Amino acid sequence: MSDEKVPKKMQAVYDEIVALTDAVCETHLSEEYAQLSRKVAAALSRKRPSPLAQGRPKTWACGIVYALGQVNFLFDKSQTPCLGAQELATLF
């Protein structure tokens, strides 16, 4: 799916999370959000122990995009793209 380095034991979880973030980002946000989401998911998969090993992939995918959105003013109606937090959560 991407060129990010991911440990083999975390690859399946990473792929599942990235499939979710890619789908939402490509449909409702931008390719830049998709790329940033992949980078964050890869970085989290490399942590020891990886927090991605716990919890649900949908929750991680939403959390990653939410965090990126928060620092990039995604919830500000004067910005483009713009999604509300509840709307973003519903997409996942």
PDB file of N, CA and C in Angstrom:
ATOM      1  N   MET A   1       0.807  -1.201   0.000  1.00  0.00           N
ATOM      2  CA  MET A   1       0.000   0.000   0.000  1.00  0.00           C
ATOM      3  C   MET A   1       0.851   1.266   0.000  1.00  0.00           C
ATOM      4  N   SER A   2       1.977   1.224   0.701  1.00  0.00           N
ATOM      5  CA  SER A   2       2.811   2.422   0.747  1.00  0.00           C
ATOM      6  C   SER A   2       4.265   2.027   0.871  1.00  0.00           C
ATOM      7  N   ASP A   3       5.124   3.028   0.869  1.00  0.00           N
ATOM      8  CA  ASP A   3       6.563   2.803   0.975  1.00  0.00           C
ATOM      9  C   ASP A   3       7.052   2.897   2.418  1.00  0.00           C
ATOM     10  N   GLU A   4       6.157   3.023   3.362  1.00  0.00           N
ATOM     11  CA  GLU A   4       6.539   3.164   4.761  1.00  0.00           C
ATOM     12  C   GLU A   4       7.114   1.857   5.293  1.00  0.00           C
ATOM     13  N   LYS A   5       8.122   1.965   6.166  1.00  0.00           N
ATOM     14  CA  LYS A   5       8.714   0.776   6.782  1.00  0.00           C
ATOM     15  C   LYS A   5       7.877   0.384   7.989  1.00  0.00           C
ATOM     16  N   VAL A   6       7.427  -0.873   7.954  1.00  0.00           N
ATOM     17  CA  VAL A   6       6.568  -1.403   9.004  1.00  0.00           C
ATOM     18  C   VAL A   6       7.101  -2.775   9.398  1.00  0.00           C
ATOM     19  N   PRO A   7       7.213  -3.057  10.702  1.00  0.00           N
ATOM     20  CA  PRO A   7       7.647  -4.396  11.121  1.00  0.00           C
ATOM     21  C   PRO A   7       6.692  -5.470  10.605  1.00  0.00           C
ATOM     22  N   LYS A   8       7.243  -6.622  10.234  1.00  0.00           N
ATOM     23  CA  LYS A   8       6.422  -7.694   9.667  1.00  0.00           C
ATOM     24  C   LYS A   8       5.262  -8.079  10.566  1.00  0.00           C
ATOM     25  N   LYS A   9       5.501  -8.149  11.885  1.00  0.00           N
ATOM     26  CA  LYS A   9       4.425  -8.585  12.776  1.00  0.00           C
ATOM     27  C   LYS A   9       3.305  -7.549  12.897  1.00  0.00           C
ATOM     28  N   MET A  10       3.559  -6.312  12.482  1.00  0.00           N
ATOM     29  CA  MET A  10       2.537  -5.258  12.533  1.00  0.00           C
ATOM     30  C   MET A  10       1.944  -4.953  11.162  1.00  0.00           C
ATOM     31  N   GLN A  11       2.429  -5.600  10.130  1.00  0.00           N
ATOM     32  CA  GLN A  11       2.016  -5.283   8.757  1.00  0.00           C
ATOM     33  C   GLN A  11       0.510  -5.432   8.537  1.00  0.00           C
ATOM     34  N   ALA A  12      -0.085  -6.495   9.025  1.00  0.00           N
ATOM     35  CA  ALA A  12      -1.524  -6.720   8.804  1.00  0.00           C
ATOM     36  C   ALA A  12      -2.361  -5.636   9.476  1.00  0.00           C
ATOM     37  N   VAL A  13      -2.001  -5.263  10.689  1.00  0.00           N
ATOM     38  CA  VAL A  13      -2.725  -4.207  11.401  1.00  0.00           C
ATOM     39  C   VAL A  13      -2.534  -2.873  10.682  1.00  0.00           C
ATOM     40  N   TYR A  14      -1.302  -2.587  10.298  1.00  0.00           N
ATOM     41  CA  TYR A  14      -1.006  -1.358   9.551  1.00  0.00           C
ATOM     42  C   TYR A  14      -1.836  -1.301   8.266  1.00  0.00           C
ATOM     43  N   ASP A  15      -1.849  -2.396   7.518  1.00  0.00           N
ATOM     44  CA  ASP A  15      -2.601  -2.426   6.258  1.00  0.00           C
ATOM     45  C   ASP A  15      -4.087  -2.171   6.477  1.00  0.00           C
ATOM     46  N   GLU A  16      -4.635  -2.739   7.542  1.00  0.00           N
ATOM     47  CA  GLU A  16      -6.053  -2.553   7.832  1.00  0.00           C
ATOM     48  C   GLU A  16      -6.348  -1.091   8.190  1.00  0.00           C
ATOM     49  N   ILE A  17      -5.502  -0.499   9.001  1.00  0.00           N
ATOM     50  CA  ILE A  17      -5.681   0.907   9.385  1.00  0.00           C
ATOM     51  C   ILE A  17      -5.535   1.822   8.175  1.00  0.00           C
ATOM     52  N   VAL A  18      -4.522   1.578   7.371  1.00  0.00           N
ATOM     53  CA  VAL A  18      -4.277   2.420   6.194  1.00  0.00           C
ATOM     54  C   VAL A  18      -5.398   2.285   5.160  1.00  0.00           C
ATOM     55  N   ALA A  19      -5.955   1.106   5.024  1.00  0.00           N
ATOM     56  CA  ALA A  19      -7.086   0.944   4.098  1.00  0.00           C
ATOM     57  C   ALA A  19      -8.248   1.842   4.533  1.00  0.00           C
ATOM     58  N   LEU A  20      -8.478   1.914   5.828  1.00  0.00           N
ATOM     59  CA  LEU A  20      -9.555   2.760   6.350  1.00  0.00           C
ATOM     60  C   LEU A  20      -9.239   4.247   6.174  1.00  0.00           C
ATOM     61  N   THR A  21      -8.025   4.649   6.537  1.00  0.00           N
ATOM     62  CA  THR A  21      -7.675   6.074   6.411  1.00  0.00           C
ATOM     63  C   THR A  21      -7.640   6.496   4.947  1.00  0.00           C
ATOM     64  N   ASP A  22      -7.098   5.641   4.079  1.00  0.00           N
ATOM     65  CA  ASP A  22      -7.059   5.972   2.647  1.00  0.00           C
ATOM     66  C   ASP A  22      -8.461   6.182   2.092  1.00  0.00           C
ATOM     67  N   ALA A  23      -9.389   5.300   2.452  1.00  0.00           N
ATOM     68  CA  ALA A  23     -10.757   5.398   1.926  1.00  0.00           C
ATOM     69  C   ALA A  23     -11.400   6.725   2.330  1.00  0.00           C
ATOM     70  N   VAL A  24     -11.265   7.100   3.589  1.00  0.00           N
ATOM     71  CA  VAL A  24     -11.870   8.351   4.061  1.00  0.00           C
ATOM     72  C   VAL A  24     -11.141   9.559   3.474  1.00  0.00           C
ATOM     73  N   CYS A  25      -9.829   9.523   3.489  1.00  0.00           N
ATOM     74  CA  CYS A  25      -9.054  10.670   2.993  1.00  0.00           C
ATOM     75  C   CYS A  25      -9.266  10.907   1.503  1.00  0.00           C
ATOM     76  N   GLU A  26      -9.277   9.835   0.727  1.00  0.00           N
ATOM     77  CA  GLU A  26      -9.446   9.991  -0.721  1.00  0.00           C
ATOM     78  C   GLU A  26     -10.848  10.472  -1.077  1.00  0.00           C
ATOM     79  N   THR A  27     -11.847  10.076  -0.301  1.00  0.00           N
ATOM     80  CA  THR A  27     -13.223  10.452  -0.596  1.00  0.00           C
ATOM     81  C   THR A  27     -13.594  11.821  -0.034  1.00  0.00           C
ATOM     82  N   HIS A  28     -13.123  12.132   1.178  1.00  0.00           N
ATOM     83  CA  HIS A  28     -13.605  13.330   1.868  1.00  0.00           C
ATOM     84  C   HIS A  28     -12.541  14.385   2.165  1.00  0.00           C
ATOM     85  N   LEU A  29     -11.264  14.025   2.061  1.00  0.00           N
ATOM     86  CA  LEU A  29     -10.219  14.978   2.425  1.00  0.00           C
ATOM     87  C   LEU A  29      -9.277  15.207   1.256  1.00  0.00           C
ATOM     88  N   SER A  30      -8.046  14.710   1.344  1.00  0.00           N
ATOM     89  CA  SER A  30      -7.084  14.926   0.266  1.00  0.00           C
ATOM     90  C   SER A  30      -6.014  13.840   0.302  1.00  0.00           C
ATOM     91  N   GLU A  31      -5.238  13.775  -0.761  1.00  0.00           N
ATOM     92  CA  GLU A  31      -4.124  12.827  -0.823  1.00  0.00           C
ATOM     93  C   GLU A  31      -3.085  13.164   0.239  1.00  0.00           C
ATOM     94  N   GLU A  32      -2.933  14.434   0.547  1.00  0.00           N
ATOM     95  CA  GLU A  32      -1.978  14.832   1.581  1.00  0.00           C
ATOM     96  C   GLU A  32      -2.366  14.246   2.942  1.00  0.00           C
ATOM     97  N   TYR A  33      -3.648  14.284   3.274  1.00  0.00           N
ATOM     98  CA  TYR A  33      -4.104  13.662   4.523  1.00  0.00           C
ATOM     99  C   TYR A  33      -3.841  12.156   4.491  1.00  0.00           C
ATOM    100  N   ALA A  34      -4.054  11.523   3.344  1.00  0.00           N
ATOM    101  CA  ALA A  34      -3.808  10.083   3.228  1.00  0.00           C
ATOM    102  C   ALA A  34      -2.337   9.762   3.457  1.00  0.00           C
ATOM    103  N   GLN A  35      -1.452  10.547   2.861  1.00  0.00           N
ATOM    104  CA  GLN A  35      -0.011  10.324   3.034  1.00  0.00           C
ATOM    105  C   GLN A  35       0.414  10.532   4.481  1.00  0.00           C
ATOM    106  N   LEU A  36      -0.053  11.597   5.092  1.00  0.00           N
ATOM    107  CA  LEU A  36       0.279  11.865   6.492  1.00  0.00           C
ATOM    108  C   LEU A  36      -0.244  10.750   7.402  1.00  0.00           C
ATOM    109  N   SER A  37      -1.435  10.261   7.105  1.00  0.00           N
ATOM    110  CA  SER A  37      -2.017   9.171   7.899  1.00  0.00           C
ATOM    111  C   SER A  37      -1.168   7.917   7.806  1.00  0.00           C
ATOM    112  N   ARG A  38      -0.662   7.620   6.603  1.00  0.00           N
ATOM    113  CA  ARG A  38       0.215   6.448   6.427  1.00  0.00           C
ATOM    114  C   ARG A  38       1.490   6.607   7.242  1.00  0.00           C
ATOM    115  N   LYS A  39       2.053   7.801   7.225  1.00  0.00           N
ATOM    116  CA  LYS A  39       3.293   8.052   7.984  1.00  0.00           C
ATOM    117  C   LYS A  39       3.065   7.879   9.483  1.00  0.00           C
ATOM    118  N   VAL A  40       1.952   8.397   9.979  1.00  0.00           N
ATOM    119  CA  VAL A  40       1.656   8.278  11.411  1.00  0.00           C
ATOM    120  C   VAL A  40       1.415   6.816  11.775  1.00  0.00           C
ATOM    121  N   ALA A  41       0.644   6.096  10.965  1.00  0.00           N
ATOM    122  CA  ALA A  41       0.379   4.679  11.242  1.00  0.00           C
ATOM    123  C   ALA A  41       1.679   3.872  11.235  1.00  0.00           C
ATOM    124  N   ALA A  42       2.570   4.172  10.302  1.00  0.00           N
ATOM    125  CA  ALA A  42       3.856   3.472  10.240  1.00  0.00           C
ATOM    126  C   ALA A  42       4.699   3.781  11.468  1.00  0.00           C
ATOM    127  N   ALA A  43       4.737   5.043  11.869  1.00  0.00           N
ATOM    128  CA  ALA A  43       5.517   5.420  13.053  1.00  0.00           C
ATOM    129  C   ALA A  43       4.974   4.713  14.297  1.00  0.00           C
ATOM    130  N   LEU A  44       3.664   4.656  14.428  1.00  0.00           N
ATOM    131  CA  LEU A  44       3.060   3.971  15.573  1.00  0.00           C
ATOM    132  C   LEU A  44       3.327   2.465  15.530  1.00  0.00           C
ATOM    133  N   SER A  45       3.389   1.900  14.335  1.00  0.00           N
ATOM    134  CA  SER A  45       3.642   0.460  14.219  1.00  0.00           C
ATOM    135  C   SER A  45       5.074   0.107  14.593  1.00  0.00           C
ATOM    136  N   ARG A  46       5.985   1.068  14.488  1.00  0.00           N
ATOM    137  CA  ARG A  46       7.390   0.817  14.807  1.00  0.00           C
ATOM    138  C   ARG A  46       7.715   0.996  16.290  1.00  0.00           C
ATOM    139  N   LYS A  47       6.823   1.628  17.036  1.00  0.00           N
ATOM    140  CA  LYS A  47       7.068   1.810  18.474  1.00  0.00           C
ATOM    141  C   LYS A  47       7.102   0.439  19.141  1.00  0.00           C
ATOM    142  N   ARG A  48       7.883   0.338  20.225  1.00  0.00           N
ATOM    143  CA  ARG A  48       7.974  -0.944  20.941  1.00  0.00           C
ATOM    144  C   ARG A  48       7.556  -0.750  22.372  1.00  0.00           C
ATOM    145  N   PRO A  49       6.510  -1.363  22.818  1.00  0.00           N
ATOM    146  CA  PRO A  49       5.559  -2.128  22.020  1.00  0.00           C
ATOM    147  C   PRO A  49       4.646  -1.182  21.241  1.00  0.00           C
ATOM    148  N   SER A  50       4.173  -1.651  20.114  1.00  0.00           N
ATOM    149  CA  SER A  50       3.315  -0.815  19.281  1.00  0.00           C
ATOM    150  C   SER A  50       1.935  -0.677  19.921  1.00  0.00           C
ATOM    151  N   PRO A  51       1.460   0.556  20.070  1.00  0.00           N
ATOM    152  CA  PRO A  51       0.106   0.736  20.607  1.00  0.00           C
ATOM    153  C   PRO A  51      -0.965   0.200  19.657  1.00  0.00           C
ATOM    154  N   LEU A  52      -0.617   0.037  18.382  1.00  0.00           N
ATOM    155  CA  LEU A  52      -1.588  -0.462  17.403  1.00  0.00           C
ATOM    156  C   LEU A  52      -1.951  -1.925  17.639  1.00  0.00           C
ATOM    157  N   ALA A  53      -1.157  -2.627  18.433  1.00  0.00           N
ATOM    158  CA  ALA A  53      -1.441  -4.033  18.729  1.00  0.00           C
ATOM    159  C   ALA A  53      -2.671  -4.170  19.625  1.00  0.00           C
ATOM    160  N   GLN A  54      -3.036  -3.098  20.292  1.00  0.00           N
ATOM    161  CA  GLN A  54      -4.216  -3.075  21.165  1.00  0.00           C
ATOM    162  C   GLN A  54      -5.291  -2.227  20.500  1.00  0.00           C
ATOM    163  N   GLY A  55      -6.531  -2.533  20.758  1.00  0.00           N
ATOM    164  CA  GLY A  55      -7.622  -1.709  20.246  1.00  0.00           C
ATOM    165  C   GLY A  55      -8.059  -2.112  18.853  1.00  0.00           C
ATOM    166  N   ARG A  56      -9.053  -1.394  18.361  1.00  0.00           N
ATOM    167  CA  ARG A  56      -9.642  -1.708  17.062  1.00  0.00           C
ATOM    168  C   ARG A  56      -9.043  -0.834  15.967  1.00  0.00           C
ATOM    169  N   PRO A  57      -8.795  -1.424  14.807  1.00  0.00           N
ATOM    170  CA  PRO A  57      -8.245  -0.638  13.688  1.00  0.00           C
ATOM    171  C   PRO A  57      -9.089   0.587  13.325  1.00  0.00           C
ATOM    172  N   LYS A  58     -10.414   0.464  13.379  1.00  0.00           N
ATOM    173  CA  LYS A  58     -11.269   1.616  13.062  1.00  0.00           C
ATOM    174  C   LYS A  58     -11.032   2.762  14.038  1.00  0.00           C
ATOM    175  N   THR A  59     -10.840   2.417  15.298  1.00  0.00           N
ATOM    176  CA  THR A  59     -10.593   3.442  16.311  1.00  0.00           C
ATOM    177  C   THR A  59      -9.257   4.125  16.059  1.00  0.00           C
ATOM    178  N   TRP A  60      -8.223   3.347  15.755  1.00  0.00           N
ATOM    179  CA  TRP A  60      -6.910   3.920  15.454  1.00  0.00           C
ATOM    180  C   TRP A  60      -6.967   4.778  14.202  1.00  0.00           C
ATOM    181  N   ALA A  61      -7.636   4.292  13.163  1.00  0.00           N
ATOM    182  CA  ALA A  61      -7.727   5.054  11.910  1.00  0.00           C
ATOM    183  C   ALA A  61      -8.392   6.402  12.152  1.00  0.00           C
ATOM    184  N   CYS A  62      -9.495   6.386  12.868  1.00  0.00           N
ATOM    185  CA  CYS A  62     -10.204   7.631  13.165  1.00  0.00           C
ATOM    186  C   CYS A  62      -9.334   8.545  14.027  1.00  0.00           C
ATOM    187  N   GLY A  63      -8.678   7.993  15.014  1.00  0.00           N
ATOM    188  CA  GLY A  63      -7.823   8.784  15.890  1.00  0.00           C
ATOM    189  C   GLY A  63      -6.676   9.443  15.153  1.00  0.00           C
ATOM    190  N   ILE A  64      -6.094   8.721  14.221  1.00  0.00           N
ATOM    191  CA  ILE A  64      -4.984   9.269  13.434  1.00  0.00           C
ATOM    192  C   ILE A  64      -5.462  10.451  12.590  1.00  0.00           C
ATOM    193  N   VAL A  65      -6.561  10.273  11.878  1.00  0.00           N
ATOM    194  CA  VAL A  65      -7.071  11.361  11.033  1.00  0.00           C
ATOM    195  C   VAL A  65      -7.562  12.520  11.897  1.00  0.00           C
ATOM    196  N   TYR A  66      -8.179  12.217  13.033  1.00  0.00           N
ATOM    197  CA  TYR A  66      -8.642  13.263  13.948  1.00  0.00           C
ATOM    198  C   TYR A  66      -7.458  14.110  14.431  1.00  0.00           C
ATOM    199  N   ALA A  67      -6.394  13.449  14.867  1.00  0.00           N
ATOM    200  CA  ALA A  67      -5.216  14.179  15.358  1.00  0.00           C
ATOM    201  C   ALA A  67      -4.616  15.054  14.255  1.00  0.00           C
ATOM    202  N   LEU A  68      -4.501  14.498  13.061  1.00  0.00           N
ATOM    203  CA  LEU A  68      -3.990  15.286  11.939  1.00  0.00           C
ATOM    204  C   LEU A  68      -4.920  16.449  11.620  1.00  0.00           C
ATOM    205  N   GLY A  69      -6.216  16.188  11.665  1.00  0.00           N
ATOM    206  CA  GLY A  69      -7.197  17.231  11.392  1.00  0.00           C
ATOM    207  C   GLY A  69      -7.154  18.351  12.407  1.00  0.00           C
ATOM    208  N   GLN A  70      -6.944  17.982  13.650  1.00  0.00           N
ATOM    209  CA  GLN A  70      -6.915  18.992  14.701  1.00  0.00           C
ATOM    210  C   GLN A  70      -5.752  19.966  14.514  1.00  0.00           C
ATOM    211  N   VAL A  71      -4.587  19.470  14.146  1.00  0.00           N
ATOM    212  CA  VAL A  71      -3.442  20.363  13.960  1.00  0.00           C
ATOM    213  C   VAL A  71      -3.460  21.073  12.607  1.00  0.00           C
ATOM    214  N   ASN A  72      -4.330  20.623  11.701  1.00  0.00           N
ATOM    215  CA  ASN A  72      -4.426  21.238  10.373  1.00  0.00           C
ATOM    216  C   ASN A  72      -5.762  21.954  10.156  1.00  0.00           C
ATOM    217  N   PHE A  73      -6.452  22.291  11.247  1.00  0.00           N
ATOM    218  CA  PHE A  73      -7.675  23.091  11.201  1.00  0.00           C
ATOM    219  C   PHE A  73      -8.798  22.454  10.387  1.00  0.00           C
ATOM    220  N   LEU A  74      -8.880  21.124  10.398  1.00  0.00           N
ATOM    221  CA  LEU A  74      -9.939  20.424   9.663  1.00  0.00           C
ATOM    222  C   LEU A  74     -11.322  20.798  10.176  1.00  0.00           C
ATOM    223  N   PHE A  75     -11.441  21.124  11.456  1.00  0.00           N
ATOM    224  CA  PHE A  75     -12.750  21.398  12.050  1.00  0.00           C
ATOM    225  C   PHE A  75     -13.144  22.868  11.955  1.00  0.00           C
ATOM    226  N   ASP A  76     -12.308  23.688  11.321  1.00  0.00           N
ATOM    227  CA  ASP A  76     -12.577  25.112  11.135  1.00  0.00           C
ATOM    228  C   ASP A  76     -13.376  25.291   9.843  1.00  0.00           C
ATOM    229  N   LYS A  77     -14.576  25.809   9.961  1.00  0.00           N
ATOM    230  CA  LYS A  77     -15.467  25.937   8.798  1.00  0.00           C
ATOM    231  C   LYS A  77     -14.946  26.895   7.731  1.00  0.00           C
ATOM    232  N   SER A  78     -13.986  27.737   8.084  1.00  0.00           N
ATOM    233  CA  SER A  78     -13.443  28.669   7.099  1.00  0.00           C
ATOM    234  C   SER A  78     -12.312  28.038   6.282  1.00  0.00           C
ATOM    235  N   GLN A  79     -11.932  26.804   6.604  1.00  0.00           N
ATOM    236  CA  GLN A  79     -10.834  26.120   5.907  1.00  0.00           C
ATOM    237  C   GLN A  79     -11.361  25.073   4.929  1.00  0.00           C
ATOM    238  N   THR A  80     -10.521  24.705   3.979  1.00  0.00           N
ATOM    239  CA  THR A  80     -10.849  23.648   3.034  1.00  0.00           C
ATOM    240  C   THR A  80      -9.706  22.639   3.040  1.00  0.00           C
ATOM    241  N   PRO A  81      -9.935  21.359   3.207  1.00  0.00           N
ATOM    242  CA  PRO A  81     -11.228  20.729   3.472  1.00  0.00           C
ATOM    243  C   PRO A  81     -11.691  20.998   4.897  1.00  0.00           C
ATOM    244  N   CYS A  82     -12.980  20.785   5.116  1.00  0.00           N
ATOM    245  CA  CYS A  82     -13.564  20.976   6.435  1.00  0.00           C
ATOM    246  C   CYS A  82     -14.540  19.846   6.714  1.00  0.00           C
ATOM    247  N   LEU A  83     -14.378  19.238   7.874  1.00  0.00           N
ATOM    248  CA  LEU A  83     -15.318  18.225   8.369  1.00  0.00           C
ATOM    249  C   LEU A  83     -15.494  18.482   9.849  1.00  0.00           C
ATOM    250  N   GLY A  84     -16.702  18.266  10.352  1.00  0.00           N
ATOM    251  CA  GLY A  84     -16.892  18.335  11.787  1.00  0.00           C
ATOM    252  C   GLY A  84     -16.359  17.080  12.445  1.00  0.00           C
ATOM    253  N   ALA A  85     -16.035  17.168  13.715  1.00  0.00           N
ATOM    254  CA  ALA A  85     -15.493  16.019  14.443  1.00  0.00           C
ATOM    255  C   ALA A  85     -16.488  14.859  14.425  1.00  0.00           C
ATOM    256  N   GLN A  86     -17.754  15.139  14.652  1.00  0.00           N
ATOM    257  CA  GLN A  86     -18.777  14.083  14.644  1.00  0.00           C
ATOM    258  C   GLN A  86     -18.908  13.463  13.250  1.00  0.00           C
ATOM    259  N   GLU A  87     -18.858  14.287  12.229  1.00  0.00           N
ATOM    260  CA  GLU A  87     -18.944  13.795  10.856  1.00  0.00           C
ATOM    261  C   GLU A  87     -17.745  12.886  10.534  1.00  0.00           C
ATOM    262  N   LEU A  88     -16.568  13.292  10.980  1.00  0.00           N
ATOM    263  CA  LEU A  88     -15.374  12.470  10.774  1.00  0.00           C
ATOM    264  C   LEU A  88     -15.518  11.122  11.475  1.00  0.00           C
ATOM    265  N   ALA A  89     -15.971  11.149  12.722  1.00  0.00           N
ATOM    266  CA  ALA A  89     -16.153   9.907  13.468  1.00  0.00           C
ATOM    267  C   ALA A  89     -17.161   8.987  12.790  1.00  0.00           C
ATOM    268  N   THR A  90     -18.218   9.568  12.248  1.00  0.00           N
ATOM    269  CA  THR A  90     -19.236   8.783  11.552  1.00  0.00           C
ATOM    270  C   THR A  90     -18.683   8.102  10.311  1.00  0.00           C
ATOM    271  N   LEU A  91     -17.734   8.739   9.644  1.00  0.00           N
ATOM    272  CA  LEU A  91     -17.144   8.150   8.430  1.00  0.00           C
ATOM    273  C   LEU A  91     -16.384   6.863   8.720  1.00  0.00           C
ATOM    274  N   PHE A  92     -15.894   6.731   9.938  1.00  0.00           N
ATOM    275  CA  PHE A  92     -15.160   5.526  10.303  1.00  0.00           C
ATOM    276  C   PHE A  92     -16.082   4.507  10.934  1.00  0.00           C
TER     277      PHE A  92
END
